[in-house]
PDB file of N, CA and C in Angstrom:
ATOM      1  N   MET A   1      54.489-132.664  35.196  1.00  0.00           N
ATOM      2  CA  MET A   1      53.078-132.647  34.878  1.00  0.00           C
ATOM      3  C   MET A   1      52.302-132.332  36.153  1.00  0.00           C
ATOM      4  N   ASP A   2      51.410-131.378  36.071  1.00  0.00           N
ATOM      5  CA  ASP A   2      50.621-130.946  37.215  1.00  0.00           C
ATOM      6  C   ASP A   2      49.339-131.764  37.276  1.00  0.00           C
ATOM      7  N   THR A   3      49.140-132.446  38.379  1.00  0.00           N
ATOM      8  CA  THR A   3      47.923-133.243  38.502  1.00  0.00           C
ATOM      9  C   THR A   3      47.014-132.609  39.519  1.00  0.00           C
ATOM     10  N   GLY A   4      45.736-132.730  39.323  1.00  0.00           N
ATOM     11  CA  GLY A   4      44.749-132.124  40.211  1.00  0.00           C
ATOM     12  C   GLY A   4      44.276-133.115  41.248  1.00  0.00           C
ATOM     13  N   PRO A   5      43.096-132.881  41.807  1.00  0.00           N
ATOM     14  CA  PRO A   5      42.549-133.781  42.806  1.00  0.00           C
ATOM     15  C   PRO A   5      42.418-135.198  42.260  1.00  0.00           C
ATOM     16  N   LEU A   6      42.716-136.147  43.100  1.00  0.00           N
ATOM     17  CA  LEU A   6      42.648-137.564  42.762  1.00  0.00           C
ATOM     18  C   LEU A   6      43.559-137.917  41.603  1.00  0.00           C
ATOM     19  N   GLY A   7      44.626-137.129  41.397  1.00  0.00           N
ATOM     20  CA  GLY A   7      45.605-137.440  40.364  1.00  0.00           C
ATOM     21  C   GLY A   7      45.091-137.226  38.952  1.00  0.00           C
ATOM     22  N   ASP A   8      44.064-136.421  38.751  1.00  0.00           N
ATOM     23  CA  ASP A   8      43.483-136.187  37.435  1.00  0.00           C
ATOM     24  C   ASP A   8      44.340-135.189  36.674  1.00  0.00           C
ATOM     25  N   PRO A   9      45.096-135.624  35.656  1.00  0.00           N
ATOM     26  CA  PRO A   9      45.973-134.705  34.926  1.00  0.00           C
ATOM     27  C   PRO A   9      45.209-133.717  34.046  1.00  0.00           C
ATOM     28  N   SER A  10      43.910-133.912  33.841  1.00  0.00           N
ATOM     29  CA  SER A  10      43.139-133.001  33.000  1.00  0.00           C
ATOM     30  C   SER A  10      42.783-131.710  33.729  1.00  0.00           C
ATOM     31  N   VAL A  11      42.941-131.686  35.045  1.00  0.00           N
ATOM     32  CA  VAL A  11      42.626-130.484  35.819  1.00  0.00           C
ATOM     33  C   VAL A  11      43.719-129.458  35.592  1.00  0.00           C
ATOM     34  N   GLY A  12      43.323-128.192  35.469  1.00  0.00           N
ATOM     35  CA  GLY A  12      44.255-127.124  35.148  1.00  0.00           C
ATOM     36  C   GLY A  12      45.294-126.868  36.216  1.00  0.00           C
ATOM     37  N   SER A  13      46.220-126.005  35.887  1.00  0.00           N
ATOM     38  CA  SER A  13      47.314-125.698  36.799  1.00  0.00           C
ATOM     39  C   SER A  13      46.943-124.556  37.736  1.00  0.00           C
ATOM     40  N   TYR A  14      47.841-124.259  38.629  1.00  0.00           N
ATOM     41  CA  TYR A  14      47.668-123.189  39.618  1.00  0.00           C
ATOM     42  C   TYR A  14      47.472-121.846  38.917  1.00  0.00           C
ATOM     43  N   GLU A  15      48.105-121.669  37.763  1.00  0.00           N
ATOM     44  CA  GLU A  15      48.006-120.416  37.016  1.00  0.00           C
ATOM     45  C   GLU A  15      46.607-120.193  36.452  1.00  0.00           C
ATOM     46  N   GLU A  16      45.777-121.223  36.434  1.00  0.00           N
ATOM     47  CA  GLU A  16      44.415-121.068  35.937  1.00  0.00           C
ATOM     48  C   GLU A  16      43.554-120.268  36.919  1.00  0.00           C
ATOM     49  N   LEU A  17      43.981-120.201  38.176  1.00  0.00           N
ATOM     50  CA  LEU A  17      43.265-119.405  39.175  1.00  0.00           C
ATOM     51  C   LEU A  17      43.538-117.927  38.917  1.00  0.00           C
ATOM     52  N   PRO A  18      42.574-117.069  39.161  1.00  0.00           N
ATOM     53  CA  PRO A  18      42.803-115.626  38.994  1.00  0.00           C
ATOM     54  C   PRO A  18      43.937-115.152  39.912  1.00  0.00           C
ATOM     55  N   ALA A  19      44.678-114.176  39.445  1.00  0.00           N
ATOM     56  CA  ALA A  19      45.824-113.662  40.207  1.00  0.00           C
ATOM     57  C   ALA A  19      45.395-113.153  41.577  1.00  0.00           C
ATOM     58  N   ARG A  20      44.198-112.571  41.677  1.00  0.00           N
ATOM     59  CA  ARG A  20      43.703-112.054  42.957  1.00  0.00           C
ATOM     60  C   ARG A  20      43.532-113.181  43.965  1.00  0.00           C
ATOM     61  N   ILE A  21      43.076-114.333  43.510  1.00  0.00           N
ATOM     62  CA  ILE A  21      42.904-115.496  44.390  1.00  0.00           C
ATOM     63  C   ILE A  21      44.265-116.072  44.751  1.00  0.00           C
ATOM     64  N   ARG A  22      45.140-116.227  43.757  1.00  0.00           N
ATOM     65  CA  ARG A  22      46.479-116.791  44.006  1.00  0.00           C
ATOM     66  C   ARG A  22      47.250-115.971  45.027  1.00  0.00           C
ATOM     67  N   ALA A  23      47.081-114.651  44.991  1.00  0.00           N
ATOM     68  CA  ALA A  23      47.810-113.780  45.909  1.00  0.00           C
ATOM     69  C   ALA A  23      47.422-114.036  47.360  1.00  0.00           C
ATOM     70  N   GLU A  24      46.202-114.470  47.605  1.00  0.00           N
ATOM     71  CA  GLU A  24      45.724-114.694  48.967  1.00  0.00           C
ATOM     72  C   GLU A  24      46.009-116.099  49.496  1.00  0.00           C
ATOM     73  N   LEU A  25      46.268-117.030  48.603  1.00  0.00           N
ATOM     74  CA  LEU A  25      46.437-118.412  49.032  1.00  0.00           C
ATOM     75  C   LEU A  25      47.901-118.715  49.329  1.00  0.00           C
ATOM     76  N   ASN A  26      48.130-119.372  50.426  1.00  0.00           N
ATOM     77  CA  ASN A  26      49.465-119.802  50.806  1.00  0.00           C
ATOM     78  C   ASN A  26      49.578-121.281  50.460  1.00  0.00           C
ATOM     79  N   ALA A  27      50.529-121.606  49.605  1.00  0.00           N
ATOM     80  CA  ALA A  27      50.635-122.978  49.101  1.00  0.00           C
ATOM     81  C   ALA A  27      50.826-124.003  50.220  1.00  0.00           C
ATOM     82  N   ASP A  28      51.445-123.613  51.316  1.00  0.00           N
ATOM     83  CA  ASP A  28      51.678-124.573  52.391  1.00  0.00           C
ATOM     84  C   ASP A  28      50.425-124.844  53.213  1.00  0.00           C
ATOM     85  N   SER A  29      49.731-123.795  53.595  1.00  0.00           N
ATOM     86  CA  SER A  29      48.594-123.981  54.497  1.00  0.00           C
ATOM     87  C   SER A  29      47.263-124.157  53.785  1.00  0.00           C
ATOM     88  N   ASP A  30      47.190-123.847  52.502  1.00  0.00           N
ATOM     89  CA  ASP A  30      45.924-123.900  51.785  1.00  0.00           C
ATOM     90  C   ASP A  30      45.919-124.933  50.662  1.00  0.00           C
ATOM     91  N   ARG A  31      46.678-125.990  50.805  1.00  0.00           N
ATOM     92  CA  ARG A  31      46.819-126.975  49.730  1.00  0.00           C
ATOM     93  C   ARG A  31      45.466-127.551  49.281  1.00  0.00           C
ATOM     94  N   ASP A  32      44.595-127.922  50.210  1.00  0.00           N
ATOM     95  CA  ASP A  32      43.287-128.479  49.841  1.00  0.00           C
ATOM     96  C   ASP A  32      42.420-127.438  49.141  1.00  0.00           C
ATOM     97  N   LEU A  33      42.447-126.213  49.639  1.00  0.00           N
ATOM     98  CA  LEU A  33      41.665-125.147  49.028  1.00  0.00           C
ATOM     99  C   LEU A  33      42.164-124.852  47.620  1.00  0.00           C
ATOM    100  N   ILE A  34      43.473-124.839  47.437  1.00  0.00           N
ATOM    101  CA  ILE A  34      44.042-124.603  46.115  1.00  0.00           C
ATOM    102  C   ILE A  34      43.600-125.696  45.149  1.00  0.00           C
ATOM    103  N   ASP A  35      43.674-126.944  45.565  1.00  0.00           N
ATOM    104  CA  ASP A  35      43.254-128.045  44.699  1.00  0.00           C
ATOM    105  C   ASP A  35      41.784-127.934  44.327  1.00  0.00           C
ATOM    106  N   ARG A  36      40.942-127.626  45.306  1.00  0.00           N
ATOM    107  CA  ARG A  36      39.513-127.508  45.043  1.00  0.00           C
ATOM    108  C   ARG A  36      39.240-126.356  44.084  1.00  0.00           C
ATOM    109  N   MET A  37      39.900-125.220  44.299  1.00  0.00           N
ATOM    110  CA  MET A  37      39.678-124.063  43.429  1.00  0.00           C
ATOM    111  C   MET A  37      40.229-124.309  42.025  1.00  0.00           C
ATOM    112  N   ARG A  38      41.363-124.987  41.921  1.00  0.00           N
ATOM    113  CA  ARG A  38      41.901-125.327  40.597  1.00  0.00           C
ATOM    114  C   ARG A  38      40.916-126.198  39.838  1.00  0.00           C
ATOM    115  N   TYR A  39      40.334-127.154  40.522  1.00  0.00           N
ATOM    116  CA  TYR A  39      39.364-128.052  39.911  1.00  0.00           C
ATOM    117  C   TYR A  39      38.140-127.274  39.433  1.00  0.00           C
ATOM    118  N   LEU A  40      37.605-126.407  40.302  1.00  0.00           N
ATOM    119  CA  LEU A  40      36.435-125.609  39.930  1.00  0.00           C
ATOM    120  C   LEU A  40      36.743-124.633  38.791  1.00  0.00           C
ATOM    121  N   ALA A  41      37.912-124.005  38.849  1.00  0.00           N
ATOM    122  CA  ALA A  41      38.295-123.061  37.792  1.00  0.00           C
ATOM    123  C   ALA A  41      38.431-123.777  36.451  1.00  0.00           C
ATOM    124  N   HIS A  42      39.010-124.958  36.483  1.00  0.00           N
ATOM    125  CA  HIS A  42      39.174-125.732  35.248  1.00  0.00           C
ATOM    126  C   HIS A  42      37.813-126.084  34.657  1.00  0.00           C
ATOM    127  N   LYS A  43      36.911-126.566  35.501  1.00  0.00           N
ATOM    128  CA  LYS A  43      35.561-126.925  35.031  1.00  0.00           C
ATOM    129  C   LYS A  43      34.840-125.689  34.472  1.00  0.00           C
ATOM    130  N   LYS A  44      34.952-124.565  35.173  1.00  0.00           N
ATOM    131  CA  LYS A  44      34.272-123.345  34.729  1.00  0.00           C
ATOM    132  C   LYS A  44      34.847-122.860  33.401  1.00  0.00           C
ATOM    133  N   ARG A  45      36.179-122.929  33.233  1.00  0.00           N
ATOM    134  CA  ARG A  45      36.801-122.485  31.981  1.00  0.00           C
ATOM    135  C   ARG A  45      36.431-123.404  30.822  1.00  0.00           C
ATOM    136  N   LEU A  46      36.186-124.683  31.100  1.00  0.00           N
ATOM    137  CA  LEU A  46      35.738-125.582  30.041  1.00  0.00           C
ATOM    138  C   LEU A  46      34.341-125.195  29.559  1.00  0.00           C
ATOM    139  N   ARG A  47      33.467-124.813  30.493  1.00  0.00           N
ATOM    140  CA  ARG A  47      32.096-124.442  30.149  1.00  0.00           C
ATOM    141  C   ARG A  47      31.984-123.016  29.626  1.00  0.00           C
ATOM    142  N   GLN A  48      32.853-122.141  30.123  1.00  0.00           N
ATOM    143  CA  GLN A  48      32.773-120.726  29.759  1.00  0.00           C
ATOM    144  C   GLN A  48      34.190-120.188  29.537  1.00  0.00           C
ATOM    145  N   PRO A  49      34.796-120.463  28.377  1.00  0.00           N
ATOM    146  CA  PRO A  49      36.205-120.095  28.150  1.00  0.00           C
ATOM    147  C   PRO A  49      36.474-118.593  28.140  1.00  0.00           C
ATOM    148  N   ASP A  50      35.464-117.764  27.889  1.00  0.00           N
ATOM    149  CA  ASP A  50      35.681-116.321  27.817  1.00  0.00           C
ATOM    150  C   ASP A  50      35.436-115.603  29.143  1.00  0.00           C
ATOM    151  N   ILE A  51      35.408-116.322  30.248  1.00  0.00           N
ATOM    152  CA  ILE A  51      35.165-115.722  31.563  1.00  0.00           C
ATOM    153  C   ILE A  51      36.331-114.813  31.945  1.00  0.00           C
ATOM    154  N   THR A  52      36.006-113.661  32.540  1.00  0.00           N
ATOM    155  CA  THR A  52      37.053-112.727  32.951  1.00  0.00           C
ATOM    156  C   THR A  52      37.635-113.153  34.304  1.00  0.00           C
ATOM    157  N   GLU A  53      38.758-112.560  34.644  1.00  0.00           N
ATOM    158  CA  GLU A  53      39.405-112.852  35.926  1.00  0.00           C
ATOM    159  C   GLU A  53      38.485-112.466  37.097  1.00  0.00           C
ATOM    160  N   GLU A  54      37.830-111.320  36.987  1.00  0.00           N
ATOM    161  CA  GLU A  54      36.944-110.863  38.047  1.00  0.00           C
ATOM    162  C   GLU A  54      35.742-111.799  38.215  1.00  0.00           C
ATOM    163  N   GLN A  55      35.177-112.223  37.094  1.00  0.00           N
ATOM    164  CA  GLN A  55      34.054-113.155  37.159  1.00  0.00           C
ATOM    165  C   GLN A  55      34.478-114.488  37.761  1.00  0.00           C
ATOM    166  N   MET A  56      35.684-114.944  37.399  1.00  0.00           N
ATOM    167  CA  MET A  56      36.180-116.209  37.940  1.00  0.00           C
ATOM    168  C   MET A  56      36.418-116.073  39.444  1.00  0.00           C
ATOM    169  N   ALA A  57      36.981-114.946  39.870  1.00  0.00           N
ATOM    170  CA  ALA A  57      37.215-114.733  41.305  1.00  0.00           C
ATOM    171  C   ALA A  57      35.898-114.740  42.072  1.00  0.00           C
ATOM    172  N   ASP A  58      34.870-114.080  41.518  1.00  0.00           N
ATOM    173  CA  ASP A  58      33.558-114.082  42.170  1.00  0.00           C
ATOM    174  C   ASP A  58      32.946-115.477  42.178  1.00  0.00           C
ATOM    175  N   TYR A  59      33.113-116.223  41.098  1.00  0.00           N
ATOM    176  CA  TYR A  59      32.590-117.596  41.016  1.00  0.00           C
ATOM    177  C   TYR A  59      33.236-118.478  42.081  1.00  0.00           C
ATOM    178  N   LEU A  60      34.555-118.374  42.213  1.00  0.00           N
ATOM    179  CA  LEU A  60      35.258-119.192  43.206  1.00  0.00           C
ATOM    180  C   LEU A  60      34.882-118.770  44.628  1.00  0.00           C
ATOM    181  N   ALA A  61      34.665-117.484  44.839  1.00  0.00           N
ATOM    182  CA  ALA A  61      34.226-117.009  46.156  1.00  0.00           C
ATOM    183  C   ALA A  61      32.833-117.549  46.472  1.00  0.00           C
ATOM    184  N   LEU A  62      31.981-117.574  45.473  1.00  0.00           N
ATOM    185  CA  LEU A  62      30.637-118.117  45.659  1.00  0.00           C
ATOM    186  C   LEU A  62      30.704-119.600  46.037  1.00  0.00           C
ATOM    187  N   ALA A  63      31.643-120.317  45.459  1.00  0.00           N
ATOM    188  CA  ALA A  63      31.817-121.734  45.803  1.00  0.00           C
ATOM    189  C   ALA A  63      32.248-121.909  47.254  1.00  0.00           C
ATOM    190  N   GLU A  64      32.825-120.876  47.842  1.00  0.00           N
ATOM    191  CA  GLU A  64      33.245-120.905  49.246  1.00  0.00           C
ATOM    192  C   GLU A  64      32.210-120.242  50.147  1.00  0.00           C
ATOM    193  N   ASN A  65      30.970-120.118  49.667  1.00  0.00           N
ATOM    194  CA  ASN A  65      29.838-119.555  50.422  1.00  0.00           C
ATOM    195  C   ASN A  65      29.991-118.064  50.718  1.00  0.00           C
ATOM    196  N   CYS A  66      30.588-117.334  49.810  1.00  0.00           N
ATOM    197  CA  CYS A  66      30.678-115.885  49.921  1.00  0.00           C
ATOM    198  C   CYS A  66      29.998-115.278  48.693  1.00  0.00           C
ATOM    199  N   GLU A  67      29.443-114.088  48.845  1.00  0.00           N
ATOM    200  CA  GLU A  67      28.718-113.467  47.741  1.00  0.00           C
ATOM    201  C   GLU A  67      29.622-113.037  46.596  1.00  0.00           C
ATOM    202  N   ASN A  68      30.826-112.559  46.930  1.00  0.00           N
ATOM    203  CA  ASN A  68      31.767-112.106  45.900  1.00  0.00           C
ATOM    204  C   ASN A  68      33.189-112.183  46.444  1.00  0.00           C
ATOM    205  N   PHE A  69      34.140-111.804  45.594  1.00  0.00           N
ATOM    206  CA  PHE A  69      35.554-111.890  45.971  1.00  0.00           C
ATOM    207  C   PHE A  69      35.866-111.022  47.187  1.00  0.00           C
ATOM    208  N   GLU A  70      35.303-109.812  47.237  1.00  0.00           N
ATOM    209  CA  GLU A  70      35.592-108.901  48.353  1.00  0.00           C
ATOM    210  C   GLU A  70      35.144-109.497  49.685  1.00  0.00           C
ATOM    211  N   GLN A  71      33.978-110.122  49.712  1.00  0.00           N
ATOM    212  CA  GLN A  71      33.503-110.751  50.941  1.00  0.00           C
ATOM    213  C   GLN A  71      34.396-111.933  51.314  1.00  0.00           C
ATOM    214  N   TRP A  72      34.808-112.711  50.319  1.00  0.00           N
ATOM    215  CA  TRP A  72      35.713-113.845  50.558  1.00  0.00           C
ATOM    216  C   TRP A  72      37.019-113.367  51.150  1.00  0.00           C
ATOM    217  N   LEU A  73      37.543-112.261  50.609  1.00  0.00           N
ATOM    218  CA  LEU A  73      38.799-111.691  51.089  1.00  0.00           C
ATOM    219  C   LEU A  73      38.677-111.232  52.537  1.00  0.00           C
ATOM    220  N   LYS A  74      37.580-110.550  52.870  1.00  0.00           N
ATOM    221  CA  LYS A  74      37.357-110.109  54.253  1.00  0.00           C
ATOM    222  C   LYS A  74      37.238-111.303  55.191  1.00  0.00           C
ATOM    223  N   PHE A  75      36.523-112.326  54.748  1.00  0.00           N
ATOM    224  CA  PHE A  75      36.346-113.527  55.565  1.00  0.00           C
ATOM    225  C   PHE A  75      37.685-114.214  55.832  1.00  0.00           C
ATOM    226  N   ARG A  76      38.517-114.371  54.803  1.00  0.00           N
ATOM    227  CA  ARG A  76      39.818-115.024  54.971  1.00  0.00           C
ATOM    228  C   ARG A  76      40.718-114.236  55.904  1.00  0.00           C
ATOM    229  N   ARG A  77      40.728-112.938  55.748  1.00  0.00           N
ATOM    230  CA  ARG A  77      41.614-112.114  56.585  1.00  0.00           C
ATOM    231  C   ARG A  77      41.142-112.062  58.026  1.00  0.00           C
ATOM    232  N   SER A  78      39.832-112.061  58.238  1.00  0.00           N
ATOM    233  CA  SER A  78      39.329-112.039  59.615  1.00  0.00           C
ATOM    234  C   SER A  78      39.453-113.412  60.266  1.00  0.00           C
ATOM    235  N   ALA A  79      39.437-114.470  59.492  1.00  0.00           N
ATOM    236  CA  ALA A  79      39.545-115.820  60.047  1.00  0.00           C
ATOM    237  C   ALA A  79      40.956-116.103  60.547  1.00  0.00           C
ATOM    238  N   LYS A  80      41.952-115.444  59.983  1.00  0.00           N
ATOM    239  CA  LYS A  80      43.334-115.682  60.398  1.00  0.00           C
ATOM    240  C   LYS A  80      43.647-115.004  61.733  1.00  0.00           C
ATOM    241  N   ALA A  81      43.076-113.831  61.990  1.00  0.00           N
ATOM    242  CA  ALA A  81      43.404-113.058  63.184  1.00  0.00           C
ATOM    243  C   ALA A  81      43.007-113.734  64.496  1.00  0.00           C
ATOM    244  N   PRO A  82      41.792-114.293  64.647  1.00  0.00           N
ATOM    245  CA  PRO A  82      41.420-114.866  65.940  1.00  0.00           C
ATOM    246  C   PRO A  82      42.318-116.017  66.384  1.00  0.00           C
ATOM    247  N   GLY A  83      42.868-116.771  65.474  1.00  0.00           N
ATOM    248  CA  GLY A  83      43.723-117.884  65.855  1.00  0.00           C
ATOM    249  C   GLY A  83      44.946-117.425  66.636  1.00  0.00           C
ATOM    250  N   ALA A  84      45.547-116.336  66.187  1.00  0.00           N
ATOM    251  CA  ALA A  84      46.738-115.818  66.851  1.00  0.00           C
ATOM    252  C   ALA A  84      46.396-115.253  68.222  1.00  0.00           C
ATOM    253  N   SER A  85      45.313-114.504  68.332  1.00  0.00           N
ATOM    254  CA  SER A  85      44.970-113.901  69.618  1.00  0.00           C
ATOM    255  C   SER A  85      44.505-114.954  70.625  1.00  0.00           C
ATOM    256  N   ARG A  86      43.829-116.015  70.145  1.00  0.00           N
ATOM    257  CA  ARG A  86      43.417-117.091  71.045  1.00  0.00           C
ATOM    258  C   ARG A  86      44.643-117.798  71.628  1.00  0.00           C
ATOM    259  N   GLY A  87      45.649-118.011  70.811  1.00  0.00           N
ATOM    260  CA  GLY A  87      46.867-118.649  71.283  1.00  0.00           C
ATOM    261  C   GLY A  87      47.594-117.791  72.303  1.00  0.00           C
ATOM    262  N   LEU A  88      47.637-116.501  72.050  1.00  0.00           N
ATOM    263  CA  LEU A  88      48.271-115.569  72.983  1.00  0.00           C
ATOM    264  C   LEU A  88      47.505-115.528  74.296  1.00  0.00           C
ATOM    265  N   LEU A  89      46.194-115.500  74.222  1.00  0.00           N
ATOM    266  CA  LEU A  89      45.375-115.478  75.425  1.00  0.00           C
ATOM    267  C   LEU A  89      45.587-116.746  76.252  1.00  0.00           C
ATOM    268  N   ALA A  90      45.624-117.892  75.600  1.00  0.00           N
ATOM    269  CA  ALA A  90      45.852-119.157  76.316  1.00  0.00           C
ATOM    270  C   ALA A  90      47.236-119.165  76.971  1.00  0.00           C
ATOM    271  N   TRP A  91      48.235-118.662  76.272  1.00  0.00           N
ATOM    272  CA  TRP A  91      49.592-118.614  76.826  1.00  0.00           C
ATOM    273  C   TRP A  91      49.621-117.709  78.059  1.00  0.00           C
ATOM    274  N   MET A  92      48.971-116.549  77.965  1.00  0.00           N
ATOM    275  CA  MET A  92      48.962-115.619  79.096  1.00  0.00           C
ATOM    276  C   MET A  92      48.213-116.208  80.293  1.00  0.00           C
ATOM    277  N   LEU A  93      47.073-116.851  80.059  1.00  0.00           N
ATOM    278  CA  LEU A  93      46.331-117.463  81.158  1.00  0.00           C
ATOM    279  C   LEU A  93      47.122-118.591  81.814  1.00  0.00           C
ATOM    280  N   GLY A  94      47.807-119.369  81.010  1.00  0.00           N
ATOM    281  CA  GLY A  94      48.647-120.441  81.555  1.00  0.00           C
ATOM    282  C   GLY A  94      49.769-119.887  82.416  1.00  0.00           C
ATOM    283  N   THR A  95      50.399-118.835  81.939  1.00  0.00           N
ATOM    284  CA  THR A  95      51.482-118.200  82.698  1.00  0.00           C
ATOM    285  C   THR A  95      50.954-117.629  84.012  1.00  0.00           C
ATOM    286  N   LEU A  96      49.806-116.970  83.961  1.00  0.00           N
ATOM    287  CA  LEU A  96      49.220-116.414  85.191  1.00  0.00           C
ATOM    288  C   LEU A  96      48.836-117.520  86.177  1.00  0.00           C
ATOM    289  N   ALA A  97      48.336-118.634  85.672  1.00  0.00           N
ATOM    290  CA  ALA A  97      47.980-119.750  86.557  1.00  0.00           C
ATOM    291  C   ALA A  97      49.218-120.297  87.264  1.00  0.00           C
ATOM    292  N   ILE A  98      50.296-120.460  86.536  1.00  0.00           N
ATOM    293  CA  ILE A  98      51.541-120.966  87.136  1.00  0.00           C
ATOM    294  C   ILE A  98      52.065-119.976  88.167  1.00  0.00           C
ATOM    295  N   LEU A  99      52.065-118.683  87.826  1.00  0.00           N
ATOM    296  CA  LEU A  99      52.520-117.676  88.787  1.00  0.00           C
ATOM    297  C   LEU A  99      51.637-117.657  90.032  1.00  0.00           C
ATOM    298  N   GLY A 100      50.333-117.851  89.868  1.00  0.00           N
ATOM    299  CA  GLY A 100      49.419-117.906  91.010  1.00  0.00           C
ATOM    300  C   GLY A 100      49.728-119.065  91.935  1.00  0.00           C
ATOM    301  N   VAL A 101      49.978-120.234  91.356  1.00  0.00           N
ATOM    302  CA  VAL A 101      50.303-121.422  92.167  1.00  0.00           C
ATOM    303  C   VAL A 101      51.622-121.212  92.899  1.00  0.00           C
ATOM    304  N   LEU A 102      52.624-120.678  92.211  1.00  0.00           N
ATOM    305  CA  LEU A 102      53.916-120.432  92.865  1.00  0.00           C
ATOM    306  C   LEU A 102      53.792-119.386  93.978  1.00  0.00           C
ATOM    307  N   THR A 103      53.020-118.341  93.746  1.00  0.00           N
ATOM    308  CA  THR A 103      52.828-117.306  94.772  1.00  0.00           C
ATOM    309  C   THR A 103      52.096-117.876  95.983  1.00  0.00           C
ATOM    310  N   ALA A 104      51.065-118.675  95.748  1.00  0.00           N
ATOM    311  CA  ALA A 104      50.324-119.290  96.861  1.00  0.00           C
ATOM    312  C   ALA A 104      51.247-120.203  97.665  1.00  0.00           C
ATOM    313  N   GLY A 105      52.097-120.940  96.980  1.00  0.00           N
ATOM    314  CA  GLY A 105      53.056-121.808  97.681  1.00  0.00           C
ATOM    315  C   GLY A 105      54.035-121.014  98.514  1.00  0.00           C
ATOM    316  N   LEU A 106      54.511-119.911  97.988  1.00  0.00           N
ATOM    317  CA  LEU A 106      55.452-119.058  98.717  1.00  0.00           C
ATOM    318  C   LEU A 106      54.784-118.444  99.948  1.00  0.00           C
ATOM    319  N   ILE A 107      53.561-117.975  99.778  1.00  0.00           N
ATOM    320  CA  ILE A 107      52.832-117.399 100.927  1.00  0.00           C
ATOM    321  C   ILE A 107      52.600-118.468 101.997  1.00  0.00           C
ATOM    322  N   ALA A 108      52.233-119.685 101.588  1.00  0.00           N
ATOM    323  CA  ALA A 108      52.014-120.770 102.554  1.00  0.00           C
ATOM    324  C   ALA A 108      53.314-121.113 103.259  1.00  0.00           C
ATOM    325  N   ALA A 109      54.426-121.144 102.565  1.00  0.00           N
ATOM    326  CA  ALA A 109      55.715-121.453 103.190  1.00  0.00           C
ATOM    327  C   ALA A 109      56.107-120.378 104.195  1.00  0.00           C
ATOM    328  N   ILE A 110      55.883-119.128 103.853  1.00  0.00           N
ATOM    329  CA  ILE A 110      56.203-118.038 104.781  1.00  0.00           C
ATOM    330  C   ILE A 110      55.294-118.122 105.994  1.00  0.00           C
ATOM    331  N   ALA A 111      54.026-118.399 105.810  1.00  0.00           N
ATOM    332  CA  ALA A 111      53.091-118.503 106.939  1.00  0.00           C
ATOM    333  C   ALA A 111      53.479-119.635 107.863  1.00  0.00           C
ATOM    334  N   ILE A 112      53.904-120.769 107.342  1.00  0.00           N
ATOM    335  CA  ILE A 112      54.310-121.907 108.164  1.00  0.00           C
ATOM    336  C   ILE A 112      55.576-121.573 108.969  1.00  0.00           C
ATOM    337  N   SER A 113      56.539-120.931 108.295  1.00  0.00           N
ATOM    338  CA  SER A 113      57.795-120.617 108.977  1.00  0.00           C
ATOM    339  C   SER A 113      57.594-119.536 110.043  1.00  0.00           C
ATOM    340  N   VAL A 114      56.695-118.589 109.843  1.00  0.00           N
ATOM    341  CA  VAL A 114      56.432-117.528 110.830  1.00  0.00           C
ATOM    342  C   VAL A 114      55.661-118.107 112.018  1.00  0.00           C
ATOM    343  N   SER A 115      54.722-118.998 111.771  1.00  0.00           N
ATOM    344  CA  SER A 115      53.905-119.556 112.853  1.00  0.00           C
ATOM    345  C   SER A 115      54.717-120.478 113.758  1.00  0.00           C
ATOM    346  N   SER A 116      55.802-121.038 113.277  1.00  0.00           N
ATOM    347  CA  SER A 116      56.599-121.941 114.119  1.00  0.00           C
ATOM    348  C   SER A 116      57.590-121.165 114.988  1.00  0.00           C
ATOM    349  N   LEU A 117      57.702-119.876 114.824  1.00  0.00           N
ATOM    350  CA  LEU A 117      58.614-119.092 115.673  1.00  0.00           C
ATOM    351  C   LEU A 117      58.026-118.805 116.961  1.00  0.00           C
TER     352      LEU A 117
END
C-alpha cells in the first residue's frame, strides 16, 4: 500500500504524477518533492478529474513557483549544474593552496641550506 505524506493512504501513487514530471524526478534525491507533488496531484485530480497531463504538469510547476512546466524544467536543470562546478572549484583551490604551501616550504629550505654554506 502506497502512503503519502504523514502516512495518509488516501494520497495517490507516484503514477498519478504526469510522465513528464516523473521523468525529471530522481526517487533518491527528490523524495520530499515527489511526496509533495503526489499530494498536490491527488488533490487536483479529486477537484478536476478530467485534467490533462500537460495541465497537471503546469499546475505542479506553478506550485514550485514556476510559470509552466518548461520553466520548471529549465530551473531544475540549471540548479543541478552549479553544485558540481562549485565542488570542482573548491577542490582545485584546495589543491593549489596545498601546493603553494609545499612550494614555499621547499624554497625556504633551499634558502636556509644555501645561506649556511
